[in-house]
Amino acid sequence: MFGDLFDNPLKLVLIFGIVLMLFGANKLPEMGKGLGEGIRNFKKALSGETEDKEKKEEKPKET
């Protein structure tokens, strides 16, 4: 289905241009940041990492 969509670089440029016109140049970095954070959280969830586990590992040593 999407194999034909990405075979030509001109199509990618056209899609990027349409997205740029729809959302504007100011929104694209925000959308990219949000997408990156979402992917990062998804990977953490798949690997089983949670903030609780990280906090437990970072306990300060008592003297």
Protein backbone atom coordinates (compact mmCIF):
# COMPACT_ATOMS: atom_id res chain seq x y z
CA MET A 1 0.00 0.00 0.00
CA PHE A 2 2.68 2.52 1.02
CA GLY A 3 5.44 0.97 -1.09
CA ASP A 4 4.55 3.15 -4.06
CA LEU A 5 4.41 6.25 -1.90
CA PHE A 6 8.09 6.33 -0.96
CA ASP A 7 9.71 5.13 -4.19
CA ASN A 8 10.17 8.64 -5.59
CA PRO A 9 11.87 11.49 -3.67
CA LEU A 10 9.61 14.02 -5.39
CA LYS A 11 6.61 12.49 -3.63
CA LEU A 12 8.30 12.91 -0.26
CA VAL A 13 9.06 16.56 -1.00
CA LEU A 14 5.44 17.09 -2.03
CA ILE A 15 4.14 15.46 1.16
CA PHE A 16 6.55 17.54 3.28
CA GLY A 17 5.39 20.71 1.51
CA ILE A 18 1.74 19.91 2.17
CA VAL A 19 2.46 19.22 5.84
CA LEU A 20 4.41 22.47 6.05
CA MET A 21 1.52 24.43 4.59
CA LEU A 22 -1.05 22.76 6.85
CA PHE A 23 0.75 23.14 10.17
CA GLY A 24 3.19 26.00 9.56
CA ALA A 25 6.91 26.21 10.12
CA ASN A 26 6.56 27.05 13.81
CA LYS A 27 4.57 23.93 14.68
CA LEU A 28 6.84 21.39 12.97
CA PRO A 29 9.63 21.39 15.61
CA GLU A 30 7.03 21.05 18.37
CA MET A 31 5.42 18.15 16.56
CA GLY A 32 8.80 16.50 16.04
CA LYS A 33 9.66 16.89 19.70
CA GLY A 34 6.34 15.39 20.73
CA LEU A 35 6.78 12.50 18.33
CA GLY A 36 10.29 11.84 19.61
CA GLU A 37 9.14 11.84 23.22
CA GLY A 38 6.31 9.48 22.34
CA ILE A 39 8.65 7.06 20.62
CA ARG A 40 11.09 7.25 23.55
CA ASN A 41 8.31 6.50 26.05
CA PHE A 42 7.07 3.64 23.90
CA LYS A 43 10.55 2.09 23.80
CA LYS A 44 10.87 2.44 27.58
CA ALA A 45 7.52 0.75 28.05
CA LEU A 46 8.54 -2.12 25.79
CA SER A 47 11.82 -2.65 27.61
CA GLY A 48 10.05 -2.61 30.96
CA GLU A 49 11.76 0.48 32.32
CA THR A 50 9.73 2.72 34.56
CA GLU A 51 10.52 5.78 36.56
CA ASP A 52 10.02 3.81 39.77
CA LYS A 53 12.76 1.36 38.86
CA GLU A 54 15.11 4.18 37.97
CA LYS A 55 14.41 5.94 41.27
CA LYS A 56 15.05 2.75 43.24
CA GLU A 57 18.41 2.29 41.53
CA GLU A 58 19.43 5.87 42.28
CA LYS A 59 18.98 5.61 46.06
CA PRO A 60 21.75 7.45 47.86
CA LYS A 61 24.08 5.29 49.90
CA GLU A 62 23.69 5.68 53.62
CA THR A 63 26.85 6.35 55.60
